[in-house]
Amino acid sequence: MKHSWRPYAAAAALLYLAGTPFALDQEWKDVRKERPLNIAGRFLQLSAGRTRFDLLGRVPSEVVVFVHGFTAPSYVWGELPKRLRKQGYRTLVYDLFGRGFSDRPDVPYDRDLFDRQLLELLGHLQMHKPVHLVGLSMGGIVATEFALRHPGRVASLTLIDPAGFSVDLPGPSALLAVPLLGEYLMHAFGDTFLLSANAKAVYDRSLVPSLQAKFQPQLAYTGYKRAILSTARLMPLADFTDGYRKLARRPLKVELFWGRQDQITPVAGAAIAMKLLPKAQMTLIDGAGHLSHYEKPDVVTPKLIAFLRGAPAPQQQGKVFTPQSCAAGQNSPDEHGEPVQ
């Protein structure tokens, strides 16, 4: 009696499809238990989880807070915070929940979460007076939302290649929105999608290997792709124009930088931004992609400093950490002798 091979083939195909996400998914570490011991910075327990941050520079000084974007954590700021500290500013850089070495709570990754994270972080660091906010890509949405909800806490707002006008999401974004299918695709092919998108962030291709090397470690920590998928579904990455319209009605000073060769938030969005924010300062940067500040710090830094000096904030001290309070293996002095905080 002949046996058909078809049931076995079908079973093998199902096993392959079911097992692919587990075979290809690199996530296997716990960000709380297995993070490298030599991570610079400090950690604060907030209501949704721990946040990794660096607070550097002399006190008292005006504080500049950097909010990174959708997939890459705070390393993406490159030289910009250091250059501002040399000009007398204090800088706060942190990893958004789900990214870098901050926790990956199993919660909706929406505007409420990111707003609460920043509000609680500033509160714990005793920064109750206005700060300068600098938002990159999705960080532009987070920073704008924060300015709209807490106008008394923001002295100025700088948007670098902001999301919310148009955005090229990693992978087949329409399919990622489909329940279960999106989870399957993200676990099976998410690393490939995300690394491919990260490679598109710069115009200068010689920077790609170092960016990929900095980006890849976070892929090993459980919850990263879940956070990315939730964010893609809940954050208005492609259309935050209503928020920018509200921003235009506020007296807050706003500055924009945009790379002309941006492949992630295309420069066509700059024209829309200027219509929505007609009082904002706009700088288009030649030879730069999505990380225009990273590729062209010599262009961005002096313009940003001039803008900040035209919109001064209080000489805010905030919380001071002594060298004795710095945990061994996690902190070191910055270029001004201040402990990494």
C-alpha atoms as a PDB file:
ATOM      1  CA  MET A   1       0.000   0.000   0.000  1.00  0.00           C
ATOM      2  CA  LYS A   2       1.400   3.339  -1.094  1.00  0.00           C
ATOM      3  CA  HIS A   3       1.729   6.130   1.421  1.00  0.00           C
ATOM      4  CA  SER A   4       1.400   9.702   0.220  1.00  0.00           C
ATOM      5  CA  TRP A   5       4.358  11.975   1.047  1.00  0.00           C
ATOM      6  CA  ARG A   6       2.144  15.040   1.083  1.00  0.00           C
ATOM      7  CA  PRO A   7       1.060  14.890   4.758  1.00  0.00           C
ATOM      8  CA  TYR A   8       4.719  14.582   5.787  1.00  0.00           C
ATOM      9  CA  ALA A   9       5.717  17.491   3.572  1.00  0.00           C
ATOM     10  CA  ALA A  10       2.912  19.599   4.980  1.00  0.00           C
ATOM     11  CA  ALA A  11       3.931  18.712   8.535  1.00  0.00           C
ATOM     12  CA  ALA A  12       7.573  19.534   7.757  1.00  0.00           C
ATOM     13  CA  ALA A  13       6.543  22.864   6.271  1.00  0.00           C
ATOM     14  CA  LEU A  14       4.495  23.704   9.353  1.00  0.00           C
ATOM     15  CA  LEU A  15       7.365  22.768  11.640  1.00  0.00           C
ATOM     16  CA  TYR A  16       9.712  24.913   9.579  1.00  0.00           C
ATOM     17  CA  LEU A  17       7.371  27.902   9.699  1.00  0.00           C
ATOM     18  CA  ALA A  18       6.728  27.476  13.398  1.00  0.00           C
ATOM     19  CA  GLY A  19      10.395  27.004  14.243  1.00  0.00           C
ATOM     20  CA  THR A  20      11.877  29.726  12.069  1.00  0.00           C
ATOM     21  CA  PRO A  21      11.229  32.582  14.502  1.00  0.00           C
ATOM     22  CA  PHE A  22      12.947  30.696  17.323  1.00  0.00           C
ATOM     23  CA  ALA A  23      15.895  29.685  15.143  1.00  0.00           C
ATOM     24  CA  LEU A  24      16.528  33.161  13.728  1.00  0.00           C
ATOM     25  CA  ASP A  25      15.620  35.287  16.742  1.00  0.00           C
ATOM     26  CA  GLN A  26      18.774  36.397  18.578  1.00  0.00           C
ATOM     27  CA  GLU A  27      16.937  37.535  21.714  1.00  0.00           C
ATOM     28  CA  TRP A  28      17.955  35.400  24.654  1.00  0.00           C
ATOM     29  CA  LYS A  29      19.461  37.722  27.289  1.00  0.00           C
ATOM     30  CA  ASP A  30      17.763  39.512  30.180  1.00  0.00           C
ATOM     31  CA  VAL A  31      18.677  43.216  30.053  1.00  0.00           C
ATOM     32  CA  ARG A  32      18.632  43.392  33.868  1.00  0.00           C
ATOM     33  CA  LYS A  33      20.792  40.341  34.522  1.00  0.00           C
ATOM     34  CA  GLU A  34      23.185  40.015  31.617  1.00  0.00           C
ATOM     35  CA  ARG A  35      24.061  43.523  30.477  1.00  0.00           C
ATOM     36  CA  PRO A  36      27.808  44.249  30.098  1.00  0.00           C
ATOM     37  CA  LEU A  37      29.490  45.487  33.282  1.00  0.00           C
ATOM     38  CA  ASN A  38      31.315  48.278  31.445  1.00  0.00           C
ATOM     39  CA  ILE A  39      28.203  50.179  30.359  1.00  0.00           C
ATOM     40  CA  ALA A  40      28.732  53.903  30.900  1.00  0.00           C
ATOM     41  CA  GLY A  41      26.053  55.725  32.822  1.00  0.00           C
ATOM     42  CA  ARG A  42      23.594  55.109  35.611  1.00  0.00           C
ATOM     43  CA  PHE A  43      20.194  53.489  36.062  1.00  0.00           C
ATOM     44  CA  LEU A  44      17.025  54.833  37.646  1.00  0.00           C
ATOM     45  CA  GLN A  45      13.962  52.802  38.588  1.00  0.00           C
ATOM     46  CA  LEU A  46      10.892  54.525  37.141  1.00  0.00           C
ATOM     47  CA  SER A  47       7.270  53.396  37.313  1.00  0.00           C
ATOM     48  CA  ALA A  48       7.497  51.278  34.120  1.00  0.00           C
ATOM     49  CA  GLY A  49      11.044  50.004  34.630  1.00  0.00           C
ATOM     50  CA  ARG A  50      14.673  51.003  34.828  1.00  0.00           C
ATOM     51  CA  THR A  51      16.083  53.693  32.552  1.00  0.00           C
ATOM     52  CA  ARG A  52      19.765  53.968  31.598  1.00  0.00           C
ATOM     53  CA  PHE A  53      21.018  57.538  31.384  1.00  0.00           C
ATOM     54  CA  ASP A  54      24.096  59.768  31.336  1.00  0.00           C
ATOM     55  CA  LEU A  55      24.083  63.176  33.022  1.00  0.00           C
ATOM     56  CA  LEU A  56      27.317  65.035  32.313  1.00  0.00           C
ATOM     57  CA  GLY A  57      28.743  68.530  32.611  1.00  0.00           C
ATOM     58  CA  ARG A  58      29.390  71.207  35.168  1.00  0.00           C
ATOM     59  CA  VAL A  59      26.728  72.485  37.530  1.00  0.00           C
ATOM     60  CA  PRO A  60      25.013  74.853  37.545  1.00  0.00           C
ATOM     61  CA  SER A  61      24.520  74.956  33.775  1.00  0.00           C
ATOM     62  CA  GLU A  62      21.675  75.021  31.296  1.00  0.00           C
ATOM     63  CA  VAL A  63      20.494  71.468  30.650  1.00  0.00           C
ATOM     64  CA  VAL A  64      20.060  69.965  27.184  1.00  0.00           C
ATOM     65  CA  VAL A  65      18.058  66.716  27.049  1.00  0.00           C
ATOM     66  CA  PHE A  66      18.543  64.390  24.060  1.00  0.00           C
ATOM     67  CA  VAL A  67      15.704  62.067  22.988  1.00  0.00           C
ATOM     68  CA  HIS A  68      16.738  59.449  20.428  1.00  0.00           C
ATOM     69  CA  GLY A  69      14.574  57.783  17.793  1.00  0.00           C
ATOM     70  CA  PHE A  70      12.689  54.626  16.858  1.00  0.00           C
ATOM     71  CA  THR A  71      15.271  51.828  16.819  1.00  0.00           C
ATOM     72  CA  ALA A  72      18.766  53.053  17.787  1.00  0.00           C
ATOM     73  CA  PRO A  73      19.516  53.996  21.426  1.00  0.00           C
ATOM     74  CA  SER A  74      21.501  56.911  22.796  1.00  0.00           C
ATOM     75  CA  TYR A  75      24.885  56.119  21.200  1.00  0.00           C
ATOM     76  CA  VAL A  76      23.320  57.631  18.084  1.00  0.00           C
ATOM     77  CA  TRP A  77      24.018  61.158  19.393  1.00  0.00           C
ATOM     78  CA  GLY A  78      27.690  60.770  18.570  1.00  0.00           C
ATOM     79  CA  GLU A  79      29.836  63.805  19.416  1.00  0.00           C
ATOM     80  CA  LEU A  80      26.991  66.293  19.820  1.00  0.00           C
ATOM     81  CA  PRO A  81      26.515  66.089  23.637  1.00  0.00           C
ATOM     82  CA  LYS A  82      30.270  66.306  24.250  1.00  0.00           C
ATOM     83  CA  ARG A  83      30.562  69.348  21.992  1.00  0.00           C
ATOM     84  CA  LEU A  84      27.765  71.082  23.868  1.00  0.00           C
ATOM     85  CA  ARG A  85      29.412  70.353  27.218  1.00  0.00           C
ATOM     86  CA  LYS A  86      32.565  72.048  25.975  1.00  0.00           C
ATOM     87  CA  GLN A  87      30.412  75.136  25.429  1.00  0.00           C
ATOM     88  CA  GLY A  88      29.210  75.109  29.024  1.00  0.00           C
ATOM     89  CA  TYR A  89      26.003  73.056  28.843  1.00  0.00           C
ATOM     90  CA  ARG A  90      25.029  70.067  30.937  1.00  0.00           C
ATOM     91  CA  THR A  91      23.675  67.141  28.917  1.00  0.00           C
ATOM     92  CA  LEU A  92      21.176  64.406  29.740  1.00  0.00           C
ATOM     93  CA  VAL A  93      21.134  61.433  27.363  1.00  0.00           C
ATOM     94  CA  TYR A  94      18.971  58.367  28.028  1.00  0.00           C
ATOM     95  CA  ASP A  95      17.676  55.178  26.400  1.00  0.00           C
ATOM     96  CA  LEU A  96      13.961  55.064  25.702  1.00  0.00           C
ATOM     97  CA  PHE A  97      12.157  52.047  27.136  1.00  0.00           C
ATOM     98  CA  GLY A  98      12.654  48.999  24.922  1.00  0.00           C
ATOM     99  CA  ARG A  99      15.947  50.275  23.502  1.00  0.00           C
ATOM    100  CA  GLY A 100      19.603  50.125  24.458  1.00  0.00           C
ATOM    101  CA  PHE A 101      20.027  49.034  28.077  1.00  0.00           C
ATOM    102  CA  SER A 102      16.801  50.442  29.495  1.00  0.00           C
ATOM    103  CA  ASP A 103      14.157  47.907  30.489  1.00  0.00           C
ATOM    104  CA  ARG A 104      11.719  46.402  27.974  1.00  0.00           C
ATOM    105  CA  PRO A 105       8.448  46.407  29.960  1.00  0.00           C
ATOM    106  CA  ASP A 106       5.553  44.441  28.486  1.00  0.00           C
ATOM    107  CA  VAL A 107       3.329  47.510  28.057  1.00  0.00           C
ATOM    108  CA  PRO A 108       1.948  49.554  25.146  1.00  0.00           C
ATOM    109  CA  TYR A 109       4.753  51.632  23.624  1.00  0.00           C
ATOM    110  CA  ASP A 110       2.767  54.782  23.008  1.00  0.00           C
ATOM    111  CA  ARG A 111       3.057  58.524  23.616  1.00  0.00           C
ATOM    112  CA  ASP A 112       1.893  58.156  27.220  1.00  0.00           C
ATOM    113  CA  LEU A 113       4.720  55.747  28.060  1.00  0.00           C
ATOM    114  CA  PHE A 114       7.496  57.862  26.569  1.00  0.00           C
ATOM    115  CA  ASP A 115       6.093  61.088  28.026  1.00  0.00           C
ATOM    116  CA  ARG A 116       5.872  59.534  31.480  1.00  0.00           C
ATOM    117  CA  GLN A 117       9.416  58.166  31.202  1.00  0.00           C
ATOM    118  CA  LEU A 118      10.875  61.598  30.469  1.00  0.00           C
ATOM    119  CA  LEU A 119       8.733  63.362  33.072  1.00  0.00           C
ATOM    120  CA  GLU A 120       9.712  60.893  35.806  1.00  0.00           C
ATOM    121  CA  LEU A 121      13.378  60.963  34.796  1.00  0.00           C
ATOM    122  CA  LEU A 122      13.517  64.757  35.075  1.00  0.00           C
ATOM    123  CA  GLY A 123      11.675  64.575  38.382  1.00  0.00           C
ATOM    124  CA  HIS A 124      14.082  62.045  39.882  1.00  0.00           C
ATOM    125  CA  LEU A 125      17.012  64.190  38.727  1.00  0.00           C
ATOM    126  CA  GLN A 126      15.437  67.248  40.393  1.00  0.00           C
ATOM    127  CA  MET A 127      15.084  69.142  37.124  1.00  0.00           C
ATOM    128  CA  HIS A 128      11.885  71.060  37.702  1.00  0.00           C
ATOM    129  CA  LYS A 129      12.774  74.143  35.655  1.00  0.00           C
ATOM    130  CA  PRO A 130      12.736  74.417  31.837  1.00  0.00           C
ATOM    131  CA  VAL A 131      15.268  72.404  29.834  1.00  0.00           C
ATOM    132  CA  HIS A 132      16.260  72.438  26.197  1.00  0.00           C
ATOM    133  CA  LEU A 133      14.905  69.384  24.332  1.00  0.00           C
ATOM    134  CA  VAL A 134      16.583  67.871  21.266  1.00  0.00           C
ATOM    135  CA  GLY A 135      14.633  65.095  19.517  1.00  0.00           C
ATOM    136  CA  LEU A 136      15.848  62.848  16.706  1.00  0.00           C
ATOM    137  CA  SER A 137      13.395  61.108  14.355  1.00  0.00           C
ATOM    138  CA  MET A 138      10.707  59.554  16.602  1.00  0.00           C
ATOM    139  CA  GLY A 139      12.361  61.451  19.433  1.00  0.00           C
ATOM    140  CA  GLY A 140      11.045  64.572  17.721  1.00  0.00           C
ATOM    141  CA  ILE A 141       7.511  63.297  18.339  1.00  0.00           C
ATOM    142  CA  VAL A 142       8.317  62.388  21.956  1.00  0.00           C
ATOM    143  CA  ALA A 143       9.928  65.794  22.585  1.00  0.00           C
ATOM    144  CA  THR A 144       7.095  67.698  20.869  1.00  0.00           C
ATOM    145  CA  GLU A 145       4.462  65.774  22.821  1.00  0.00           C
ATOM    146  CA  PHE A 146       6.325  66.550  26.041  1.00  0.00           C
ATOM    147  CA  ALA A 147       6.453  70.255  25.152  1.00  0.00           C
ATOM    148  CA  LEU A 148       2.723  70.272  24.426  1.00  0.00           C
ATOM    149  CA  ARG A 149       1.812  68.491  27.665  1.00  0.00           C
ATOM    150  CA  HIS A 150       4.300  70.296  29.921  1.00  0.00           C
ATOM    151  CA  PRO A 151       4.949  73.719  28.363  1.00  0.00           C
ATOM    152  CA  GLY A 152       6.478  75.121  31.530  1.00  0.00           C
ATOM    153  CA  ARG A 153       9.217  72.467  31.491  1.00  0.00           C
ATOM    154  CA  VAL A 154      10.683  73.256  28.037  1.00  0.00           C
ATOM    155  CA  ALA A 155      12.866  76.258  27.144  1.00  0.00           C
ATOM    156  CA  SER A 156      13.414  75.344  23.487  1.00  0.00           C
ATOM    157  CA  LEU A 157      12.842  72.483  21.070  1.00  0.00           C
ATOM    158  CA  THR A 158      15.222  71.198  18.398  1.00  0.00           C
ATOM    159  CA  LEU A 159      14.017  68.565  15.920  1.00  0.00           C
ATOM    160  CA  ILE A 160      16.546  66.581  13.895  1.00  0.00           C
ATOM    161  CA  ASP A 161      15.192  64.679  10.872  1.00  0.00           C
ATOM    162  CA  PRO A 162      11.880  64.329  12.731  1.00  0.00           C
ATOM    163  CA  ALA A 163       9.317  61.599  12.173  1.00  0.00           C
ATOM    164  CA  GLY A 164       5.648  62.419  11.830  1.00  0.00           C
ATOM    165  CA  PHE A 165       5.680  63.812   8.292  1.00  0.00           C
ATOM    166  CA  SER A 166       6.563  60.664   6.379  1.00  0.00           C
ATOM    167  CA  VAL A 167       8.697  57.715   7.372  1.00  0.00           C
ATOM    168  CA  ASP A 168      10.131  54.553   5.821  1.00  0.00           C
ATOM    169  CA  LEU A 169       9.581  51.897   8.488  1.00  0.00           C
ATOM    170  CA  PRO A 170      11.822  48.804   8.535  1.00  0.00           C
ATOM    171  CA  GLY A 171      10.388  45.756   6.771  1.00  0.00           C
ATOM    172  CA  PRO A 172       6.896  45.311   5.330  1.00  0.00           C
ATOM    173  CA  SER A 173       5.217  47.816   7.654  1.00  0.00           C
ATOM    174  CA  ALA A 174       1.679  47.053   6.434  1.00  0.00           C
ATOM    175  CA  LEU A 175       2.120  43.391   7.359  1.00  0.00           C
ATOM    176  CA  LEU A 176       3.650  44.230  10.734  1.00  0.00           C
ATOM    177  CA  ALA A 177       0.383  45.896  11.680  1.00  0.00           C
ATOM    178  CA  VAL A 178      -1.527  42.600  11.282  1.00  0.00           C
ATOM    179  CA  PRO A 179      -1.990  40.824  14.648  1.00  0.00           C
ATOM    180  CA  LEU A 180       0.000  37.564  14.985  1.00  0.00           C
ATOM    181  CA  LEU A 181       1.463  37.915  11.474  1.00  0.00           C
ATOM    182  CA  GLY A 182       3.389  40.984  12.603  1.00  0.00           C
ATOM    183  CA  GLU A 183       4.735  39.126  15.633  1.00  0.00           C
ATOM    184  CA  TYR A 184       5.767  36.184  13.456  1.00  0.00           C
ATOM    185  CA  LEU A 185       7.559  38.342  10.907  1.00  0.00           C
ATOM    186  CA  MET A 186       9.288  40.419  13.549  1.00  0.00           C
ATOM    187  CA  HIS A 187      10.628  37.371  15.388  1.00  0.00           C
ATOM    188  CA  ALA A 188      11.620  35.552  12.195  1.00  0.00           C
ATOM    189  CA  PHE A 189      13.059  38.407  10.169  1.00  0.00           C
ATOM    190  CA  GLY A 190      13.144  41.412  12.509  1.00  0.00           C
ATOM    191  CA  ASP A 191      16.921  41.414  12.965  1.00  0.00           C
ATOM    192  CA  THR A 192      17.371  41.552   9.195  1.00  0.00           C
ATOM    193  CA  PHE A 193      14.747  44.301   8.798  1.00  0.00           C
ATOM    194  CA  LEU A 194      16.215  46.417  11.569  1.00  0.00           C
ATOM    195  CA  LEU A 195      19.859  46.069  10.577  1.00  0.00           C
ATOM    196  CA  SER A 196      18.943  46.928   7.002  1.00  0.00           C
ATOM    197  CA  ALA A 197      17.117  50.066   8.141  1.00  0.00           C
ATOM    198  CA  ASN A 198      20.006  51.046  10.407  1.00  0.00           C
ATOM    199  CA  ALA A 199      22.392  50.837   7.459  1.00  0.00           C
ATOM    200  CA  LYS A 200      20.236  53.397   5.616  1.00  0.00           C
ATOM    201  CA  ALA A 201      20.558  55.969   8.405  1.00  0.00           C
ATOM    202  CA  VAL A 202      23.711  57.578   7.003  1.00  0.00           C
ATOM    203  CA  TYR A 203      24.734  58.911   3.608  1.00  0.00           C
ATOM    204  CA  ASP A 204      28.444  58.268   4.222  1.00  0.00           C
ATOM    205  CA  ARG A 205      28.700  54.497   3.716  1.00  0.00           C
ATOM    206  CA  SER A 206      32.042  54.318   5.528  1.00  0.00           C
ATOM    207  CA  LEU A 207      30.137  54.902   8.783  1.00  0.00           C
ATOM    208  CA  VAL A 208      27.874  51.870   8.347  1.00  0.00           C
ATOM    209  CA  PRO A 209      30.133  49.147   9.880  1.00  0.00           C
ATOM    210  CA  SER A 210      30.677  51.082  13.113  1.00  0.00           C
ATOM    211  CA  LEU A 211      26.974  51.961  13.379  1.00  0.00           C
ATOM    212  CA  GLN A 212      25.988  48.323  12.880  1.00  0.00           C
ATOM    213  CA  ALA A 213      28.466  47.236  15.544  1.00  0.00           C
ATOM    214  CA  LYS A 214      26.932  49.706  18.022  1.00  0.00           C
ATOM    215  CA  PHE A 215      23.362  48.811  17.058  1.00  0.00           C
ATOM    216  CA  GLN A 216      23.555  45.018  17.146  1.00  0.00           C
ATOM    217  CA  PRO A 217      24.147  44.309  20.877  1.00  0.00           C
ATOM    218  CA  GLN A 218      20.619  45.417  21.861  1.00  0.00           C
ATOM    219  CA  LEU A 219      19.161  42.742  19.557  1.00  0.00           C
ATOM    220  CA  ALA A 220      20.267  40.073  22.049  1.00  0.00           C
ATOM    221  CA  TYR A 221      18.027  41.318  24.860  1.00  0.00           C
ATOM    222  CA  THR A 222      14.534  39.896  25.189  1.00  0.00           C
ATOM    223  CA  GLY A 223      11.736  42.321  24.458  1.00  0.00           C
ATOM    224  CA  TYR A 224      13.487  44.603  21.979  1.00  0.00           C
ATOM    225  CA  LYS A 225      11.540  43.546  18.894  1.00  0.00           C
ATOM    226  CA  ARG A 226       8.295  43.377  20.875  1.00  0.00           C
ATOM    227  CA  ALA A 227       8.901  47.005  21.858  1.00  0.00           C
ATOM    228  CA  ILE A 228       9.686  47.999  18.266  1.00  0.00           C
ATOM    229  CA  LEU A 229       6.540  46.307  16.971  1.00  0.00           C
ATOM    230  CA  SER A 230       4.334  47.922  19.608  1.00  0.00           C
ATOM    231  CA  THR A 231       5.897  51.315  18.884  1.00  0.00           C
ATOM    232  CA  ALA A 232       5.331  50.936  15.138  1.00  0.00           C
ATOM    233  CA  ARG A 233       1.669  50.199  15.796  1.00  0.00           C
ATOM    234  CA  LEU A 234       0.981  52.867  18.414  1.00  0.00           C
ATOM    235  CA  MET A 235       3.217  55.862  17.683  1.00  0.00           C
ATOM    236  CA  PRO A 236       2.172  58.323  14.913  1.00  0.00           C
ATOM    237  CA  LEU A 237       5.438  57.871  13.026  1.00  0.00           C
ATOM    238  CA  ALA A 238       4.004  58.605   9.594  1.00  0.00           C
ATOM    239  CA  ASP A 239       1.604  61.398  10.563  1.00  0.00           C
ATOM    240  CA  PHE A 240       2.030  63.635  13.591  1.00  0.00           C
ATOM    241  CA  THR A 241       1.015  66.763  11.710  1.00  0.00           C
ATOM    242  CA  ASP A 242      -1.757  67.531  14.191  1.00  0.00           C
ATOM    243  CA  GLY A 243       0.806  67.686  16.976  1.00  0.00           C
ATOM    244  CA  TYR A 244       3.077  69.968  14.968  1.00  0.00           C
ATOM    245  CA  ARG A 245       0.108  72.252  14.218  1.00  0.00           C
ATOM    246  CA  LYS A 246      -0.521  72.552  17.957  1.00  0.00           C
ATOM    247  CA  LEU A 247       3.172  73.273  18.477  1.00  0.00           C
ATOM    248  CA  ALA A 248       2.999  76.145  15.991  1.00  0.00           C
ATOM    249  CA  ARG A 249       0.407  77.872  18.189  1.00  0.00           C
ATOM    250  CA  ARG A 250       2.791  77.884  21.164  1.00  0.00           C
ATOM    251  CA  PRO A 251       5.403  80.621  21.789  1.00  0.00           C
ATOM    252  CA  LEU A 252       8.163  78.001  22.124  1.00  0.00           C
ATOM    253  CA  LYS A 253      11.282  78.537  19.992  1.00  0.00           C
ATOM    254  CA  VAL A 254      11.765  75.668  17.521  1.00  0.00           C
ATOM    255  CA  GLU A 255      14.708  74.697  15.309  1.00  0.00           C
ATOM    256  CA  LEU A 256      14.937  71.943  12.670  1.00  0.00           C
ATOM    257  CA  PHE A 257      17.839  70.148  11.004  1.00  0.00           C
ATOM    258  CA  TRP A 258      17.271  67.845   8.028  1.00  0.00           C
ATOM    259  CA  GLY A 259      19.698  65.782   5.953  1.00  0.00           C
ATOM    260  CA  ARG A 260      19.075  66.249   2.233  1.00  0.00           C
ATOM    261  CA  GLN A 261      19.875  62.571   1.604  1.00  0.00           C
ATOM    262  CA  ASP A 262      17.659  61.220   4.409  1.00  0.00           C
ATOM    263  CA  GLN A 263      16.188  57.856   3.320  1.00  0.00           C
ATOM    264  CA  ILE A 264      14.149  57.234   6.484  1.00  0.00           C
ATOM    265  CA  THR A 265      12.310  60.517   7.000  1.00  0.00           C
ATOM    266  CA  PRO A 266      12.712  61.903   3.466  1.00  0.00           C
ATOM    267  CA  VAL A 267      13.625  65.556   3.052  1.00  0.00           C
ATOM    268  CA  ALA A 268      10.304  66.196   1.321  1.00  0.00           C
ATOM    269  CA  GLY A 269       8.925  66.349   4.856  1.00  0.00           C
ATOM    270  CA  ALA A 270      10.964  69.508   5.456  1.00  0.00           C
ATOM    271  CA  ALA A 271       8.699  71.528   3.155  1.00  0.00           C
ATOM    272  CA  ILE A 272       5.651  70.259   5.063  1.00  0.00           C
ATOM    273  CA  ALA A 273       7.385  71.063   8.359  1.00  0.00           C
ATOM    274  CA  MET A 274       8.011  74.664   7.339  1.00  0.00           C
ATOM    275  CA  LYS A 275       4.363  75.126   6.373  1.00  0.00           C
ATOM    276  CA  LEU A 276       3.238  73.741   9.723  1.00  0.00           C
ATOM    277  CA  LEU A 277       5.959  75.542  11.716  1.00  0.00           C
ATOM    278  CA  PRO A 278       6.517  78.785   9.810  1.00  0.00           C
ATOM    279  CA  LYS A 279       8.359  80.486  12.709  1.00  0.00           C
ATOM    280  CA  ALA A 280      10.878  77.669  13.117  1.00  0.00           C
ATOM    281  CA  GLN A 281      14.489  77.880  11.995  1.00  0.00           C
ATOM    282  CA  MET A 282      15.336  75.275   9.340  1.00  0.00           C
ATOM    283  CA  THR A 283      18.757  74.038   8.242  1.00  0.00           C
ATOM    284  CA  LEU A 284      19.049  71.578   5.341  1.00  0.00           C
ATOM    285  CA  ILE A 285      22.332  69.681   5.433  1.00  0.00           C
ATOM    286  CA  ASP A 286      24.028  68.529   2.247  1.00  0.00           C
ATOM    287  CA  GLY A 287      25.794  65.164   2.229  1.00  0.00           C
ATOM    288  CA  ALA A 288      23.886  63.864   5.241  1.00  0.00           C
ATOM    289  CA  GLY A 289      21.237  61.216   5.752  1.00  0.00           C
ATOM    290  CA  HIS A 290      18.880  60.543   8.640  1.00  0.00           C
ATOM    291  CA  LEU A 291      21.598  61.100  11.257  1.00  0.00           C
ATOM    292  CA  SER A 292      22.526  64.535   9.966  1.00  0.00           C
ATOM    293  CA  HIS A 293      24.029  65.603  13.313  1.00  0.00           C
ATOM    294  CA  TYR A 294      26.149  62.421  13.423  1.00  0.00           C
ATOM    295  CA  GLU A 295      27.544  62.865   9.936  1.00  0.00           C
ATOM    296  CA  LYS A 296      27.921  66.641   9.996  1.00  0.00           C
ATOM    297  CA  PRO A 297      28.609  67.741  13.603  1.00  0.00           C
ATOM    298  CA  ASP A 298      30.664  70.699  12.368  1.00  0.00           C
ATOM    299  CA  VAL A 299      27.535  72.037  10.639  1.00  0.00           C
ATOM    300  CA  VAL A 300      25.008  71.229  13.354  1.00  0.00           C
ATOM    301  CA  THR A 301      26.940  72.184  16.503  1.00  0.00           C
ATOM    302  CA  PRO A 302      27.492  75.936  15.935  1.00  0.00           C
ATOM    303  CA  LYS A 303      23.935  76.446  14.690  1.00  0.00           C
ATOM    304  CA  LEU A 304      22.497  74.542  17.636  1.00  0.00           C
ATOM    305  CA  ILE A 305      24.602  76.503  20.136  1.00  0.00           C
ATOM    306  CA  ALA A 306      23.564  79.821  18.565  1.00  0.00           C
ATOM    307  CA  PHE A 307      19.920  78.733  18.797  1.00  0.00           C
ATOM    308  CA  LEU A 308      20.250  77.675  22.448  1.00  0.00           C
ATOM    309  CA  ARG A 309      21.895  80.958  23.373  1.00  0.00           C
ATOM    310  CA  GLY A 310      18.970  82.765  21.810  1.00  0.00           C
ATOM    311  CA  ALA A 311      16.529  80.747  23.939  1.00  0.00           C
ATOM    312  CA  PRO A 312      18.270  80.552  27.306  1.00  0.00           C
ATOM    313  CA  ALA A 313      17.103  78.238  30.077  1.00  0.00           C
ATOM    314  CA  PRO A 314      17.687  78.622  33.834  1.00  0.00           C
ATOM    315  CA  GLN A 315      21.141  77.727  35.103  1.00  0.00           C
ATOM    316  CA  GLN A 316      19.596  74.556  36.423  1.00  0.00           C
ATOM    317  CA  GLN A 317      21.590  72.414  38.786  1.00  0.00           C
ATOM    318  CA  GLY A 318      19.478  69.307  39.076  1.00  0.00           C
ATOM    319  CA  LYS A 319      20.715  66.348  41.066  1.00  0.00           C
ATOM    320  CA  VAL A 320      24.427  66.134  41.794  1.00  0.00           C
ATOM    321  CA  PHE A 321      26.190  62.781  41.992  1.00  0.00           C
ATOM    322  CA  THR A 322      29.453  62.546  43.896  1.00  0.00           C
ATOM    323  CA  PRO A 323      32.264  60.210  42.782  1.00  0.00           C
ATOM    324  CA  GLN A 324      31.557  58.108  45.895  1.00  0.00           C
ATOM    325  CA  SER A 325      27.959  57.581  44.736  1.00  0.00           C
ATOM    326  CA  CYS A 326      29.056  56.249  41.349  1.00  0.00           C
ATOM    327  CA  ALA A 327      28.771  52.478  41.118  1.00  0.00           C
ATOM    328  CA  ALA A 328      32.034  50.730  40.356  1.00  0.00           C
ATOM    329  CA  GLY A 329      32.406  49.642  36.767  1.00  0.00           C
ATOM    330  CA  GLN A 330      29.563  51.850  35.523  1.00  0.00           C
ATOM    331  CA  ASN A 331      30.875  55.383  35.899  1.00  0.00           C
ATOM    332  CA  SER A 332      33.945  57.439  35.050  1.00  0.00           C
ATOM    333  CA  PRO A 333      34.834  61.151  35.016  1.00  0.00           C
ATOM    334  CA  ASP A 334      33.853  63.207  31.998  1.00  0.00           C
ATOM    335  CA  GLU A 335      36.107  65.756  30.337  1.00  0.00           C
ATOM    336  CA  HIS A 336      35.226  68.370  32.989  1.00  0.00           C
ATOM    337  CA  GLY A 337      35.922  66.091  35.925  1.00  0.00           C
ATOM    338  CA  GLU A 338      32.222  65.449  36.562  1.00  0.00           C
ATOM    339  CA  PRO A 339      31.269  61.844  37.295  1.00  0.00           C
ATOM    340  CA  VAL A 340      29.358  59.981  34.612  1.00  0.00           C
ATOM    341  CA  GLN A 341      25.851  59.984  35.974  1.00  0.00           C
END
